[in-house]
């Protein structure tokens, strides 16, 4: 009888231990189930977006523009060159000095030119004297022929001598004119009014014919030569306007297409287009050689547009993070014309219908399929736009 007592106690202990283990396992399972349910609820909870964190693809009228860039150059410029060889004298102008049309800017030593002019003039005088002698002889012979004292052959001979003397005289006069022109060429004058852009020689230097002395530019009329691709040049017309930006000048500078080159350049196949640039009033005057860039307005087009920062480019093809059935869906698009509307850059897109809701660019990349909830409808984009400079 007493032998069964320990066995009963052991059985009771086993039952109690088993019950504790079962209760512990049941509690652990309930804990795991609650954690799984919480995780599922969190996973299914949509990402909340504010109304300004999404944009809508809208039909907009964007300005079509062609980018242009290049350096400014003066329409009127002149290079003063030496027309005769010799020592350069009297050059006092330096870069930045103003000159007037016809102003003497320098001289070439005229000593040799004066001596040649005197020589040619003396030769002309001698030839003139010979003409006078032959003229008197011819007159006398003609009178003698009329009186029958000499033959007509002698008169023909004297006439030929007179004509030869006259030809020699005319040749010496032409030589004197050439020498006089050479003397005049020793005086170097500016052909236009403007400013000295370069001084390429020094006083006392011996210069050769066609040696460059100074360059004069007229800044009252400037132009930009823009090289456009064949596809861009098709839409360009004379009279179209452009807005140019120049470093150091805050306001955009207007320009107008005045000429279009009829031929494309060999090699690059680009088409030169020339734009007249207006000097800004009340601001720093533009200078030759300044680099400018801007956009040439070539018209307007009705397109579907979206904010530029909403277009993702971290994949081989650009795409939009659209919202479809409450989840993020990637849609590849083709981008086109860009324009600035009220400080926001818009870009034309193809591949999505109008009214598509797109995640704004500042949100960053979201995983495709992410659940998203928007508090309200996104504000529509402006229906019209204008191109920014």
Protein backbone atom coordinates (compact mmCIF):
# COMPACT_ATOMS: atom_id res chain seq x y z
CA UNK A 1 0.00 0.00 0.00
CA UNK A 2 2.76 2.38 0.96
CA UNK A 3 4.64 1.41 -2.24
CA UNK A 4 2.02 3.10 -4.47
CA UNK A 5 2.29 6.45 -2.77
CA UNK A 6 5.59 7.49 -4.47
CA UNK A 7 4.25 6.33 -7.77
CA UNK A 8 1.14 8.48 -7.42
CA UNK A 9 3.19 11.49 -6.46
CA UNK A 10 5.42 10.98 -9.49
CA UNK A 11 2.39 10.68 -11.78
CA UNK A 12 0.92 13.87 -10.39
CA UNK A 13 4.25 15.66 -10.92
CA UNK A 14 4.44 14.46 -14.52
CA UNK A 15 0.89 15.65 -15.16
CA UNK A 16 1.63 19.05 -13.65
CA UNK A 17 4.86 19.43 -15.63
CA UNK A 18 3.14 18.38 -18.87
CA UNK A 19 0.35 20.88 -18.28
CA UNK A 20 2.87 23.67 -17.71
CA UNK A 21 4.74 22.79 -20.89
CA UNK A 22 1.47 22.73 -22.87
CA UNK A 23 0.39 26.07 -21.50
CA UNK A 24 3.82 27.58 -22.36
CA UNK A 25 3.66 26.24 -25.91
CA UNK A 26 0.10 27.52 -26.35
CA UNK A 27 1.12 30.96 -25.13
CA UNK A 28 4.10 31.03 -27.49
CA UNK A 29 1.92 30.02 -30.44
CA UNK A 30 -0.59 32.73 -29.56
CA UNK A 31 2.25 35.25 -29.35
CA UNK A 32 3.61 34.23 -32.76
CA UNK A 33 0.13 34.40 -34.28
CA UNK A 34 -0.43 37.90 -32.89
CA UNK A 35 2.96 39.03 -34.22
CA UNK A 36 2.17 37.60 -37.68
CA UNK A 37 -1.23 39.33 -37.70
CA UNK A 38 0.40 42.65 -36.74
CA UNK A 39 3.02 42.25 -39.46
CA UNK A 40 0.33 41.49 -42.03
CA UNK A 41 -1.65 44.52 -40.97
CA UNK A 42 1.42 46.72 -41.23
CA UNK A 43 2.27 45.26 -44.65
CA UNK A 44 -1.21 45.89 -45.93
CA UNK A 45 -1.36 49.46 -44.56
CA UNK A 46 -1.01 51.82 -47.60
CA UNK A 47 1.62 54.53 -47.84
CA UNK A 48 -0.10 57.84 -47.14
CA UNK A 49 0.68 60.62 -49.62
CA UNK A 50 -0.30 64.27 -49.33
CA UNK A 51 -2.07 65.99 -52.25
CA UNK A 52 1.11 67.88 -53.19
CA UNK A 53 3.10 64.64 -53.34
CA UNK A 54 1.42 63.50 -56.55
CA UNK A 55 1.00 65.21 -59.94
CA UNK A 56 -1.32 64.59 -62.86
CA UNK A 57 -0.50 64.19 -66.54
CA UNK A 58 -2.34 67.06 -68.23
CA UNK A 59 -2.72 68.43 -71.75
CA UNK A 60 -0.62 71.62 -71.97
CA UNK A 61 0.45 74.07 -74.65
CA UNK A 62 4.24 74.17 -74.51
CA UNK A 63 6.54 76.47 -76.40
CA UNK A 64 8.78 74.69 -78.86
CA UNK A 65 12.36 75.81 -78.58
CA UNK A 66 15.74 75.13 -80.14
CA UNK A 67 18.80 75.53 -77.92
CA UNK A 68 21.38 77.97 -79.28
CA UNK A 69 24.83 78.90 -78.02
CA UNK A 70 28.00 80.54 -79.23
CA UNK A 71 30.15 83.64 -78.95
CA UNK A 72 29.10 87.18 -79.78
CA UNK A 73 30.84 88.97 -82.61
CA UNK A 74 30.59 92.46 -84.05
CA UNK A 75 28.74 92.79 -87.33
CA UNK A 76 31.16 95.55 -88.41
CA UNK A 77 34.84 95.04 -87.75
CA UNK A 78 37.98 95.99 -89.64
CA UNK A 79 41.63 95.00 -89.59
CA UNK A 80 43.92 97.94 -90.40
CA UNK A 81 46.86 96.57 -92.39
CA UNK A 82 50.04 98.04 -93.85
CA UNK A 83 49.68 98.55 -97.60
CA UNK A 84 53.38 99.28 -98.09
CA UNK A 85 56.47 97.96 -96.36
CA UNK A 86 58.48 100.17 -94.05
CA UNK A 87 59.02 101.42 -90.53
CA UNK A 88 55.86 101.93 -88.47
CA UNK A 89 55.54 105.40 -86.96
CA UNK A 90 53.03 107.33 -84.87
CA UNK A 91 51.00 104.41 -83.50
CA UNK A 92 49.65 105.56 -80.12
CA UNK A 93 46.30 103.77 -79.91
CA UNK A 94 45.93 100.84 -77.54
CA UNK A 95 43.21 98.29 -76.79
CA UNK A 96 39.99 99.98 -75.69
CA UNK A 97 40.70 103.37 -77.33
CA UNK A 98 37.93 104.75 -79.53
CA UNK A 99 38.53 105.77 -83.14
CA UNK A 100 36.47 107.51 -85.80
CA UNK A 101 36.04 106.53 -89.43
CA UNK A 102 38.86 108.12 -91.44
CA UNK A 103 41.02 108.86 -88.39
CA UNK A 104 44.77 108.48 -88.90
CA UNK A 105 45.98 105.70 -86.62
CA UNK A 106 49.62 105.31 -87.75
CA UNK A 107 52.06 106.00 -90.58
CA UNK A 108 54.70 104.12 -92.51
CA UNK A 109 58.03 105.96 -93.01
CA UNK A 110 57.31 107.95 -96.24
CA UNK A 111 60.92 108.78 -97.19
CA UNK A 112 61.27 106.07 -99.83
CA UNK A 113 57.75 106.65 -101.18
CA UNK A 114 58.38 110.38 -101.57
CA UNK A 115 61.64 109.74 -103.45
CA UNK A 116 59.91 107.35 -105.86
CA UNK A 117 57.15 109.89 -106.43
CA UNK A 118 59.72 112.61 -107.26
CA UNK A 119 61.49 110.23 -109.62
CA UNK A 120 58.26 109.32 -111.39
CA UNK A 121 57.18 112.95 -111.57
CA UNK A 122 60.51 114.01 -113.12
CA UNK A 123 60.24 111.22 -115.66
CA UNK A 124 56.74 112.46 -116.50
CA UNK A 125 58.01 116.00 -116.90
CA UNK A 126 60.78 114.81 -119.22
CA UNK A 127 58.27 112.84 -121.28
CA UNK A 128 56.03 115.92 -121.46
CA UNK A 129 58.94 117.96 -122.82
CA UNK A 130 59.56 115.32 -125.46
CA UNK A 131 55.88 115.49 -126.43
CA UNK A 132 56.15 119.26 -126.85
CA UNK A 133 59.24 118.89 -129.06
CA UNK A 134 57.56 116.30 -131.27
CA UNK A 135 54.39 118.37 -131.40
CA UNK A 136 56.30 121.45 -132.73
CA UNK A 137 58.18 119.27 -135.21
CA UNK A 138 54.95 117.74 -136.48
CA UNK A 139 53.33 121.18 -136.83
CA UNK A 140 56.29 122.53 -138.81
CA UNK A 141 56.43 119.49 -141.08
CA UNK A 142 52.74 119.76 -141.83
CA UNK A 143 53.22 123.38 -142.92
CA UNK A 144 56.19 122.38 -145.13
CA UNK A 145 54.17 119.59 -146.72
CA UNK A 146 51.39 122.05 -147.53
CA UNK A 147 53.99 124.30 -149.21
CA UNK A 148 55.53 121.35 -151.06
CA UNK A 149 58.97 121.62 -149.50
CA UNK A 150 59.00 118.08 -148.02
CA UNK A 151 57.29 114.83 -148.86
CA UNK A 152 54.25 113.41 -147.10
CA UNK A 153 56.42 110.55 -145.84
CA UNK A 154 58.34 112.92 -143.57
CA UNK A 155 55.02 114.13 -142.14
CA UNK A 156 53.93 110.55 -141.36
CA UNK A 157 57.25 109.91 -139.65
CA UNK A 158 56.94 113.00 -137.46
CA UNK A 159 53.36 112.05 -136.59
CA UNK A 160 54.50 108.60 -135.47
CA UNK A 161 57.21 110.16 -133.32
CA UNK A 162 54.60 112.45 -131.74
CA UNK A 163 52.28 109.56 -130.94
CA UNK A 164 55.14 107.57 -129.44
CA UNK A 165 56.13 110.52 -127.27
CA UNK A 166 52.53 110.94 -126.11
CA UNK A 167 52.32 107.25 -125.18
CA UNK A 168 55.58 107.48 -123.23
CA UNK A 169 54.25 110.52 -121.42
CA UNK A 170 51.01 108.76 -120.48
CA UNK A 171 53.01 105.78 -119.17
CA UNK A 172 55.16 108.02 -116.98
CA UNK A 173 52.04 109.79 -115.69
CA UNK A 174 50.58 106.39 -114.71
CA UNK A 175 53.86 105.53 -112.97
CA UNK A 176 53.67 108.81 -111.06
CA UNK A 177 50.08 108.02 -110.05
CA UNK A 178 51.19 104.64 -108.69
CA UNK A 179 53.99 106.31 -106.73
CA UNK A 180 51.54 108.92 -105.41
CA UNK A 181 49.17 106.13 -104.32
CA UNK A 182 52.05 104.38 -102.55
CA UNK A 183 52.81 107.62 -100.70
CA UNK A 184 49.16 107.95 -99.68
CA UNK A 185 49.20 104.35 -98.47
CA UNK A 186 51.86 105.24 -95.93
CA UNK A 187 49.08 106.92 -93.95
CA UNK A 188 46.97 104.28 -92.13
CA UNK A 189 43.34 105.25 -91.43
CA UNK A 190 40.51 103.48 -89.67
CA UNK A 191 37.73 102.57 -92.15
CA UNK A 192 35.03 102.44 -89.44
CA UNK A 193 34.22 104.02 -86.09
CA UNK A 194 34.60 101.82 -83.05
CA UNK A 195 37.01 100.58 -80.41
CA UNK A 196 40.48 99.11 -80.76
CA UNK A 197 40.22 95.38 -80.01
CA UNK A 198 43.82 94.37 -80.78
CA UNK A 199 47.15 96.14 -81.26
CA UNK A 200 49.37 93.82 -83.26
CA UNK A 201 52.45 95.98 -83.98
CA UNK A 202 54.71 98.42 -82.17
CA UNK A 203 56.12 101.82 -83.25
CA UNK A 204 59.56 101.51 -84.84
CA UNK A 205 58.88 97.99 -86.04
CA UNK A 206 59.51 97.30 -89.72
CA UNK A 207 56.34 95.82 -91.16
CA UNK A 208 55.72 94.02 -94.42
CA UNK A 209 52.88 94.51 -96.88
CA UNK A 210 49.54 93.30 -95.43
CA UNK A 211 50.99 93.18 -91.91
CA UNK A 212 48.18 93.58 -89.36
CA UNK A 213 48.45 96.74 -87.26
CA UNK A 214 45.22 97.11 -85.23
CA UNK A 215 41.72 95.61 -85.20
CA UNK A 216 38.70 97.92 -84.80
CA UNK A 217 35.25 96.64 -83.81
CA UNK A 218 31.89 98.42 -83.73
CA UNK A 219 29.90 97.18 -80.71
CA UNK A 220 26.71 98.97 -81.70
CA UNK A 221 25.66 95.91 -83.70
CA UNK A 222 26.39 92.40 -82.43
CA UNK A 223 25.32 89.01 -83.71
CA UNK A 224 25.47 85.38 -82.67
CA UNK A 225 26.37 82.60 -85.08
CA UNK A 226 24.60 79.47 -83.83
CA UNK A 227 25.32 76.08 -85.39
CA UNK A 228 22.12 74.00 -85.49
CA UNK A 229 21.62 70.36 -86.31
CA UNK A 230 19.74 69.63 -89.55
CA UNK A 231 16.62 68.52 -87.64
CA UNK A 232 16.54 71.71 -85.53
CA UNK A 233 17.24 74.04 -88.46
CA UNK A 234 14.12 72.93 -90.33
CA UNK A 235 11.82 74.84 -87.95
CA UNK A 236 13.91 78.04 -87.89
CA UNK A 237 12.69 81.09 -89.81
CA UNK A 238 13.95 84.65 -90.24
CA UNK A 239 12.30 86.92 -87.68
CA UNK A 240 11.94 84.34 -84.90
CA UNK A 241 12.86 85.51 -81.42
CA UNK A 242 15.26 84.07 -78.87
CA UNK A 243 16.07 84.74 -75.23
CA UNK A 244 19.78 84.54 -74.38
CA UNK A 245 21.49 84.34 -71.03
CA UNK A 246 24.92 85.82 -70.45
CA UNK A 247 27.02 85.34 -67.35
CA UNK A 248 27.03 88.54 -65.31
CA UNK A 249 23.79 89.88 -66.78
CA UNK A 250 20.70 88.94 -64.82
CA UNK A 251 17.98 89.81 -67.32
CA UNK A 252 17.65 87.76 -70.52
CA UNK A 253 18.93 89.41 -73.69
CA UNK A 254 16.58 89.36 -76.70
CA UNK A 255 17.81 88.28 -80.12
CA UNK A 256 16.25 87.93 -83.58
CA UNK A 257 17.08 85.59 -86.46
CA UNK A 258 18.25 87.81 -89.34
CA UNK A 259 19.96 85.32 -91.67
CA UNK A 260 20.08 81.58 -92.28
CA UNK A 261 22.98 80.08 -94.18
CA UNK A 262 21.68 78.24 -97.27
CA UNK A 263 24.44 75.61 -97.03
CA UNK A 264 25.31 73.15 -94.30
CA UNK A 265 28.92 73.02 -93.18
CA UNK A 266 30.98 70.19 -94.58
CA UNK A 267 31.89 67.52 -92.06
CA UNK A 268 29.60 68.50 -89.18
CA UNK A 269 26.55 69.08 -91.43
CA UNK A 270 25.42 71.84 -89.10
CA UNK A 271 23.53 74.86 -90.43
CA UNK A 272 24.77 78.33 -89.34
CA UNK A 273 22.00 80.65 -88.17
CA UNK A 274 22.74 84.31 -87.43
CA UNK A 275 20.89 86.19 -84.68
CA UNK A 276 21.05 89.94 -84.14
CA UNK A 277 21.59 90.66 -80.43
CA UNK A 278 20.25 93.86 -78.93
CA UNK A 279 22.47 95.84 -76.57
CA UNK A 280 20.69 95.96 -73.16
CA UNK A 281 19.78 99.47 -72.09
CA UNK A 282 20.95 100.68 -68.70
CA UNK A 283 23.19 97.67 -68.14
CA UNK A 284 26.73 96.58 -68.83
CA UNK A 285 27.30 96.75 -72.60
CA UNK A 286 27.89 93.47 -74.35
CA UNK A 287 31.37 92.70 -75.62
CA UNK A 288 32.65 90.76 -78.58
CA UNK A 289 33.59 87.20 -77.68
CA UNK A 290 31.16 86.76 -74.76
CA UNK A 291 29.68 83.25 -74.60
CA UNK A 292 25.88 83.19 -74.67
CA UNK A 293 23.28 80.45 -74.63
CA UNK A 294 19.53 80.35 -74.73
CA UNK A 295 16.43 79.09 -76.50
CA UNK A 296 15.06 80.04 -79.89
CA UNK A 297 11.25 80.07 -79.91
CA UNK A 298 10.04 78.11 -82.94
CA UNK A 299 6.32 77.80 -82.12
CA UNK A 300 3.88 76.06 -79.78
CA UNK A 301 2.38 72.57 -79.51
CA UNK A 302 -0.43 70.90 -77.51
CA UNK A 303 1.09 67.90 -75.72
CA UNK A 304 0.66 65.78 -72.60
CA UNK A 305 3.05 67.10 -69.97
CA UNK A 306 4.16 66.30 -66.45
CA UNK A 307 6.66 67.81 -64.00
CA UNK A 308 10.19 67.01 -65.12
CA UNK A 309 11.31 65.77 -61.70
CA UNK A 310 8.56 63.10 -61.77
CA UNK A 311 10.29 61.33 -64.67
CA UNK A 312 12.67 58.68 -63.30
CA UNK A 313 15.91 58.02 -65.19
CA UNK A 314 17.57 55.38 -63.02
CA UNK A 315 16.73 52.68 -65.58
CA UNK A 316 17.73 52.33 -69.24
CA UNK A 317 14.44 53.93 -70.33
CA UNK A 318 12.73 56.85 -68.53
CA UNK A 319 9.59 55.91 -66.63
CA UNK A 320 6.87 57.29 -64.36
CA UNK A 321 5.74 55.94 -60.99
CA UNK A 322 2.00 55.90 -61.67
CA UNK A 323 -0.80 54.95 -59.27
CA UNK A 324 -3.01 52.12 -60.54
CA UNK A 325 -5.65 50.47 -58.32
CA UNK A 326 -4.03 51.97 -55.25
CA UNK A 327 -0.56 50.59 -56.01
CA UNK A 328 2.63 51.88 -57.64
CA UNK A 329 3.10 50.82 -61.26
CA UNK A 330 6.11 51.65 -63.46
CA UNK A 331 5.25 52.95 -66.95
CA UNK A 332 7.96 53.65 -69.54
CA UNK A 333 7.54 56.98 -71.38
CA UNK A 334 9.18 58.93 -74.16
CA UNK A 335 10.08 62.52 -73.25
CA UNK A 336 10.02 65.53 -75.58
CA UNK A 337 9.79 69.32 -75.40
CA UNK A 338 10.54 71.07 -72.11
CA UNK A 339 9.21 74.39 -70.85
CA UNK A 340 9.02 76.36 -67.61
CA UNK A 341 5.58 77.26 -66.25
CA UNK A 342 5.33 79.39 -63.11
CA UNK A 343 8.79 78.31 -62.03
CA UNK A 344 8.12 74.58 -62.64
CA UNK A 345 9.77 72.68 -65.49
CA UNK A 346 7.36 70.59 -67.52
CA UNK A 347 8.25 67.94 -70.08
CA UNK A 348 6.13 66.42 -72.82
CA UNK A 349 5.61 62.67 -72.38
CA UNK A 350 4.27 59.88 -74.58
CA UNK A 351 3.07 56.49 -73.38
CA UNK A 352 0.54 57.44 -70.68
CA UNK A 353 -3.06 58.69 -71.01
CA UNK A 354 -4.21 62.10 -69.85
CA UNK A 355 -5.21 62.26 -66.20
CA UNK A 356 -2.73 59.62 -65.01
CA UNK A 357 -1.72 60.24 -61.38
CA UNK A 358 2.05 60.16 -60.91
CA UNK A 359 4.17 60.17 -57.75
CA UNK A 360 6.08 63.46 -57.42
CA UNK A 361 9.81 63.42 -57.92
CA UNK A 362 10.72 64.51 -54.38
CA UNK A 363 9.20 61.30 -52.92
CA UNK A 364 11.98 59.27 -54.46
CA UNK A 365 11.80 55.74 -55.81
CA UNK A 366 9.01 53.47 -54.50
CA UNK A 367 8.97 49.72 -54.95
CA UNK A 368 6.63 48.63 -57.71
CA UNK A 369 3.41 47.28 -56.22
CA UNK A 370 3.59 49.38 -53.06
CA UNK A 371 0.11 50.25 -51.74
CA UNK A 372 -0.48 54.00 -51.78
CA UNK A 373 -3.32 56.17 -50.55
CA UNK A 374 -3.71 59.81 -51.57
CA UNK A 375 -5.49 62.19 -49.25
CA UNK A 376 -6.99 64.22 -52.11
CA UNK A 377 -6.79 64.65 -55.88
CA UNK A 378 -3.64 66.30 -57.18
CA UNK A 379 -3.91 69.85 -58.44
CA UNK A 380 -4.10 70.08 -62.19
CA UNK A 381 -1.22 71.51 -64.17
CA UNK A 382 -1.70 74.82 -66.02
CA UNK A 383 -3.34 74.43 -69.42
CA UNK A 384 -1.05 76.95 -71.11
CA UNK A 385 2.62 77.64 -70.74
CA UNK A 386 5.39 79.75 -71.99
CA UNK A 387 8.98 78.80 -72.77
CA UNK A 388 11.62 79.86 -70.30
CA UNK A 389 14.83 81.45 -71.49
